[in-house]
């Protein structure tokens, strides 16, 4: 299925880029629709890569961090593997947002070095802080850690059902889609229907901060002694510092670099083909 999507995007992209470029007149409506369809398919592929990255990368990264902390020592290749995993997961969200905004004609593009990397660091630091917190909780009690993750996953699924996402054609596939969305919400925030989510995002990260602080407090007061005090202190500082940095980058991104920050009231549309607003936005994860 994914291969067919790639093949369609490559074939139609070639037709749009090369065959149509030989014509000197303006694009016809059919050519414009073909170009739009290629962009839409590439956005679909970007979303599938996002799902794959989170479903595979997040559990693997937690396992890497757990192994690293359990052994208490690591070589350069292990540090590099953890860093690459974090960056890959975070960059998948950036790549998806760039592709998604290209597919939505009524949305501003995510362009420029600063917006992309501010968004990247926001995701990178918040993800790293949360994963380290989960690993701490695993050391404390595996059952409690699994219960917390399953509970958050369940809440994410409920949120997807509450927003009534409409991405898949069949009910069964839509249910699976919402389950995957709930899994992603366990690790990071997404606007799953392209709506104003200032309040849900605020609540999400308030809960994240409280959960992180709670895990650190429980680990500090528990009688379990896994690390020496100096080593545990450095990891605790890393968790707190990355969370604070992530929140700072989040505020900077939405306060300074978000594409819709300076969006003005749109003028009346011209006569002709009517643009279907939200025709794709409501089907996708959106920031």
Protein backbone atom coordinates (compact mmCIF):
# COMPACT_ATOMS: atom_id res chain seq x y z
CA UNK A 1 0.00 0.00 0.00
CA UNK A 2 2.77 2.40 0.92
CA UNK A 3 4.73 1.35 -2.19
CA UNK A 4 1.70 2.19 -4.36
CA UNK A 5 1.52 5.64 -2.79
CA UNK A 6 5.21 6.22 -3.53
CA UNK A 7 4.77 4.98 -7.08
CA UNK A 8 1.76 7.23 -7.65
CA UNK A 9 3.58 10.26 -6.27
CA UNK A 10 6.68 9.62 -8.39
CA UNK A 11 4.77 8.93 -11.60
CA UNK A 12 2.41 11.87 -11.34
CA UNK A 13 5.14 14.12 -10.02
CA UNK A 14 7.18 13.34 -13.13
CA UNK A 15 4.22 14.10 -15.38
CA UNK A 16 3.52 17.40 -13.65
CA UNK A 17 7.17 18.48 -13.45
CA UNK A 18 8.38 17.51 -16.93
CA UNK A 19 5.52 16.91 -19.33
CA UNK A 20 3.55 19.96 -18.28
CA UNK A 21 6.64 22.15 -18.05
CA UNK A 22 7.14 21.88 -21.80
CA UNK A 23 3.96 23.86 -22.39
CA UNK A 24 4.28 27.60 -22.44
CA UNK A 25 0.68 28.43 -21.61
CA UNK A 26 -0.68 28.63 -18.10
CA UNK A 27 -1.64 25.50 -16.20
CA UNK A 28 -5.13 24.26 -16.89
CA UNK A 29 -7.44 23.34 -14.07
CA UNK A 30 -6.71 19.65 -14.68
CA UNK A 31 -2.96 20.20 -14.43
CA UNK A 32 -3.34 22.19 -11.22
CA UNK A 33 -5.48 19.40 -9.75
CA UNK A 34 -2.85 16.84 -10.71
CA UNK A 35 -0.16 18.88 -9.00
CA UNK A 36 -2.33 19.22 -5.90
CA UNK A 37 -3.01 15.48 -5.85
CA UNK A 38 0.72 14.71 -5.90
CA UNK A 39 1.28 17.03 -2.95
CA UNK A 40 -1.62 15.41 -1.11
CA UNK A 41 -0.17 11.94 -1.66
CA UNK A 42 3.24 13.06 -0.42
CA UNK A 43 1.52 14.41 2.68
CA UNK A 44 -0.14 11.04 3.19
CA UNK A 45 3.27 9.36 2.94
CA UNK A 46 4.76 11.83 5.38
CA UNK A 47 2.00 11.04 7.85
CA UNK A 48 2.62 7.29 7.46
CA UNK A 49 6.33 7.87 8.11
CA UNK A 50 5.35 9.86 11.21
CA UNK A 51 3.24 6.97 12.47
CA UNK A 52 6.00 4.46 11.74
CA UNK A 53 8.61 6.60 13.50
CA UNK A 54 6.56 6.97 16.67
CA UNK A 55 5.32 3.38 16.79
CA UNK A 56 8.82 1.96 16.33
CA UNK A 57 11.09 4.73 17.58
CA UNK A 58 9.49 5.61 20.91
CA UNK A 59 9.55 2.08 22.43
CA UNK A 60 13.07 1.53 21.08
CA UNK A 61 14.30 4.79 22.57
CA UNK A 62 12.81 3.96 25.97
CA UNK A 63 14.57 0.58 25.82
CA UNK A 64 17.87 2.24 24.84
CA UNK A 65 17.63 4.69 27.73
CA UNK A 66 16.68 1.93 30.16
CA UNK A 67 19.68 -0.15 29.11
CA UNK A 68 21.96 2.86 29.31
CA UNK A 69 20.86 3.77 32.84
CA UNK A 70 20.88 0.16 34.04
CA UNK A 71 24.46 -0.41 32.95
CA UNK A 72 25.57 2.98 34.24
CA UNK A 73 28.06 3.44 31.44
CA UNK A 74 28.01 3.87 27.69
CA UNK A 75 30.41 4.39 24.84
CA UNK A 76 30.24 7.00 22.12
CA UNK A 77 28.20 4.83 19.75
CA UNK A 78 25.48 4.36 22.38
CA UNK A 79 25.28 8.09 23.04
CA UNK A 80 25.11 8.68 19.28
CA UNK A 81 22.36 6.07 18.84
CA UNK A 82 20.21 7.69 21.52
CA UNK A 83 20.75 11.16 20.06
CA UNK A 84 19.96 9.99 16.52
CA UNK A 85 16.78 8.26 17.71
CA UNK A 86 15.58 11.41 19.48
CA UNK A 87 16.35 13.60 16.49
CA UNK A 88 14.71 11.19 14.03
CA UNK A 89 11.47 11.10 16.00
CA UNK A 90 11.44 14.87 16.41
CA UNK A 91 12.35 15.57 12.79
CA UNK A 92 9.53 13.35 11.54
CA UNK A 93 7.06 15.79 13.09
CA UNK A 94 8.80 18.75 11.42
CA UNK A 95 8.79 17.04 8.01
CA UNK A 96 5.12 16.20 8.40
CA UNK A 97 4.12 19.74 9.32
CA UNK A 98 6.02 21.12 6.31
CA UNK A 99 4.30 18.63 3.96
CA UNK A 100 0.88 19.13 5.51
CA UNK A 101 0.91 22.89 5.15
CA UNK A 102 1.88 22.55 1.48
CA UNK A 103 -1.24 20.46 0.93
CA UNK A 104 -3.58 22.99 2.56
CA UNK A 105 -4.12 26.00 0.26
CA UNK A 106 -5.62 28.15 3.02
CA UNK A 107 -2.67 27.62 5.39
CA UNK A 108 0.61 29.51 5.48
CA UNK A 109 3.76 27.48 4.75
CA UNK A 110 6.26 26.54 7.41
CA UNK A 111 9.33 28.13 5.84
CA UNK A 112 12.68 29.27 7.14
CA UNK A 113 15.46 27.87 9.28
CA UNK A 114 14.41 29.38 12.61
CA UNK A 115 10.76 28.18 12.66
CA UNK A 116 11.70 24.61 11.71
CA UNK A 117 14.52 24.26 14.20
CA UNK A 118 12.60 25.97 16.99
CA UNK A 119 9.81 23.47 16.42
CA UNK A 120 12.37 20.65 16.24
CA UNK A 121 13.97 21.58 19.57
CA UNK A 122 10.54 21.95 21.20
CA UNK A 123 9.71 18.37 20.23
CA UNK A 124 13.20 17.05 20.93
CA UNK A 125 13.50 18.37 24.48
CA UNK A 126 9.95 17.54 25.59
CA UNK A 127 10.25 14.01 24.17
CA UNK A 128 13.62 13.38 25.80
CA UNK A 129 12.43 14.64 29.19
CA UNK A 130 9.31 12.48 29.10
CA UNK A 131 11.14 9.34 27.99
CA UNK A 132 13.73 9.71 30.76
CA UNK A 133 10.87 10.14 33.23
CA UNK A 134 9.24 6.95 31.94
CA UNK A 135 12.52 5.07 32.33
CA UNK A 136 12.83 6.29 35.93
CA UNK A 137 9.33 5.01 36.60
CA UNK A 138 10.21 1.65 35.02
CA UNK A 139 13.10 1.29 37.45
CA UNK A 140 10.78 2.13 40.33
CA UNK A 141 7.92 -0.21 39.36
CA UNK A 142 7.26 -1.72 35.94
CA UNK A 143 3.57 -2.29 36.66
CA UNK A 144 3.00 1.34 37.65
CA UNK A 145 4.87 2.55 34.57
CA UNK A 146 2.85 0.33 32.24
CA UNK A 147 -0.40 1.35 33.94
CA UNK A 148 0.45 5.04 33.51
CA UNK A 149 1.31 4.60 29.82
CA UNK A 150 -1.81 2.54 29.13
CA UNK A 151 -3.95 5.06 30.98
CA UNK A 152 -2.49 7.96 28.97
CA UNK A 153 -2.93 5.95 25.77
CA UNK A 154 -6.58 5.34 26.68
CA UNK A 155 -7.09 9.06 27.31
CA UNK A 156 -5.53 9.82 23.91
CA UNK A 157 -7.91 7.40 22.20
CA UNK A 158 -10.86 8.98 24.01
CA UNK A 159 -9.69 12.41 22.84
CA UNK A 160 -9.51 11.18 19.23
CA UNK A 161 -13.04 9.77 19.50
CA UNK A 162 -14.28 12.99 21.10
CA UNK A 163 -12.88 15.03 18.20
CA UNK A 164 -14.55 12.59 15.75
CA UNK A 165 -11.64 12.24 13.34
CA UNK A 166 -12.59 11.23 9.80
CA UNK A 167 -9.44 10.00 8.13
CA UNK A 168 -10.32 6.48 6.95
CA UNK A 169 -13.13 5.24 4.73
CA UNK A 170 -14.10 2.26 6.91
CA UNK A 171 -15.11 2.23 10.56
CA UNK A 172 -12.57 -0.45 11.49
CA UNK A 173 -9.66 1.42 9.92
CA UNK A 174 -10.82 4.67 11.52
CA UNK A 175 -10.76 2.92 14.89
CA UNK A 176 -7.20 1.74 14.22
CA UNK A 177 -6.25 5.28 13.18
CA UNK A 178 -7.57 6.69 16.45
CA UNK A 179 -5.67 4.04 18.41
CA UNK A 180 -2.44 5.13 16.70
CA UNK A 181 -3.24 8.79 17.35
CA UNK A 182 -3.79 7.95 21.02
CA UNK A 183 -0.38 6.29 21.14
CA UNK A 184 1.31 9.38 19.70
CA UNK A 185 -0.52 11.60 22.20
CA UNK A 186 1.07 9.51 24.96
CA UNK A 187 4.43 11.02 24.01
CA UNK A 188 3.73 14.39 22.41
CA UNK A 189 0.89 16.80 21.72
CA UNK A 190 -0.84 16.99 18.36
CA UNK A 191 -3.80 18.97 17.17
CA UNK A 192 -5.67 16.08 15.61
CA UNK A 193 -8.32 18.10 13.77
CA UNK A 194 -6.79 21.40 12.75
CA UNK A 195 -8.75 23.42 15.30
CA UNK A 196 -7.78 25.98 17.92
CA UNK A 197 -6.14 23.96 20.69
CA UNK A 198 -4.60 26.59 22.94
CA UNK A 199 -6.53 25.33 25.96
CA UNK A 200 -6.00 21.56 25.28
CA UNK A 201 -2.28 22.14 24.69
CA UNK A 202 -2.00 24.14 27.92
CA UNK A 203 -3.75 21.36 29.86
CA UNK A 204 -1.62 18.70 28.15
CA UNK A 205 1.67 20.25 29.20
CA UNK A 206 0.42 21.11 32.68
CA UNK A 207 -0.31 17.40 33.12
CA UNK A 208 3.10 16.58 31.60
CA UNK A 209 4.90 18.89 34.04
CA UNK A 210 2.96 17.52 37.03
CA UNK A 211 3.60 13.93 35.97
CA UNK A 212 7.32 14.58 35.48
CA UNK A 213 7.65 16.33 38.83
CA UNK A 214 5.65 13.56 40.50
CA UNK A 215 7.89 10.85 39.06
CA UNK A 216 11.03 12.66 40.23
CA UNK A 217 9.62 13.22 43.72
CA UNK A 218 8.53 9.59 44.08
CA UNK A 219 11.89 8.37 42.85
CA UNK A 220 13.74 10.66 45.27
CA UNK A 221 11.74 9.62 48.34
CA UNK A 222 11.54 5.91 47.45
CA UNK A 223 13.92 3.52 49.22
CA UNK A 224 15.01 2.04 45.89
CA UNK A 225 18.70 2.72 45.28
CA UNK A 226 19.69 2.03 41.68
CA UNK A 227 22.12 4.81 40.87
CA UNK A 228 24.72 6.50 42.97
CA UNK A 229 23.63 9.93 44.16
CA UNK A 230 25.84 11.89 41.76
CA UNK A 231 24.70 9.92 38.73
CA UNK A 232 21.04 10.14 39.68
CA UNK A 233 21.37 13.86 40.32
CA UNK A 234 22.71 14.48 36.80
CA UNK A 235 19.85 12.53 35.20
CA UNK A 236 17.26 14.37 37.31
CA UNK A 237 18.73 17.72 36.29
CA UNK A 238 18.67 16.59 32.65
CA UNK A 239 14.97 15.70 32.90
CA UNK A 240 14.06 19.04 34.48
CA UNK A 241 16.29 21.09 32.19
CA UNK A 242 15.09 19.47 28.95
CA UNK A 243 11.47 19.90 30.00
CA UNK A 244 12.00 23.59 30.75
CA UNK A 245 13.88 24.10 27.47
CA UNK A 246 11.15 22.28 25.57
CA UNK A 247 8.45 24.51 27.06
CA UNK A 248 10.54 27.60 26.28
CA UNK A 249 10.97 26.55 22.63
CA UNK A 250 7.24 25.80 22.46
CA UNK A 251 6.40 29.32 23.67
CA UNK A 252 8.92 30.89 21.30
CA UNK A 253 7.60 28.91 18.34
CA UNK A 254 3.93 29.72 18.88
CA UNK A 255 4.65 33.27 19.99
CA UNK A 256 7.13 34.22 17.27
CA UNK A 257 7.49 31.71 14.44
CA UNK A 258 4.15 29.97 13.98
CA UNK A 259 2.90 30.49 10.38
CA UNK A 260 -0.56 31.59 11.53
CA UNK A 261 0.70 34.08 14.13
CA UNK A 262 0.24 37.14 11.91
CA UNK A 263 -2.56 35.75 9.80
CA UNK A 264 -4.89 38.53 8.76
CA UNK A 265 -8.53 38.35 7.85
CA UNK A 266 -8.83 36.79 4.43
CA UNK A 267 -10.47 38.85 1.66
CA UNK A 268 -13.54 37.65 -0.19
CA UNK A 269 -12.83 34.83 -2.60
CA UNK A 270 -12.89 35.55 -6.30
CA UNK A 271 -15.55 34.08 -8.55
CA UNK A 272 -14.81 30.69 -10.01
CA UNK A 273 -13.91 27.39 -8.49
CA UNK A 274 -14.67 27.46 -4.78
CA UNK A 275 -11.87 26.42 -2.45
CA UNK A 276 -12.98 23.67 -0.10
CA UNK A 277 -11.74 24.88 3.24
CA UNK A 278 -10.75 22.26 5.81
CA UNK A 279 -11.26 19.61 3.11
CA UNK A 280 -8.03 17.92 4.28
CA UNK A 281 -7.18 19.67 7.52
CA UNK A 282 -9.84 17.86 9.52
CA UNK A 283 -8.40 14.50 8.48
CA UNK A 284 -4.83 15.10 9.62
CA UNK A 285 -2.72 15.61 12.67
CA UNK A 286 -2.07 19.32 12.76
CA UNK A 287 -0.03 21.70 14.87
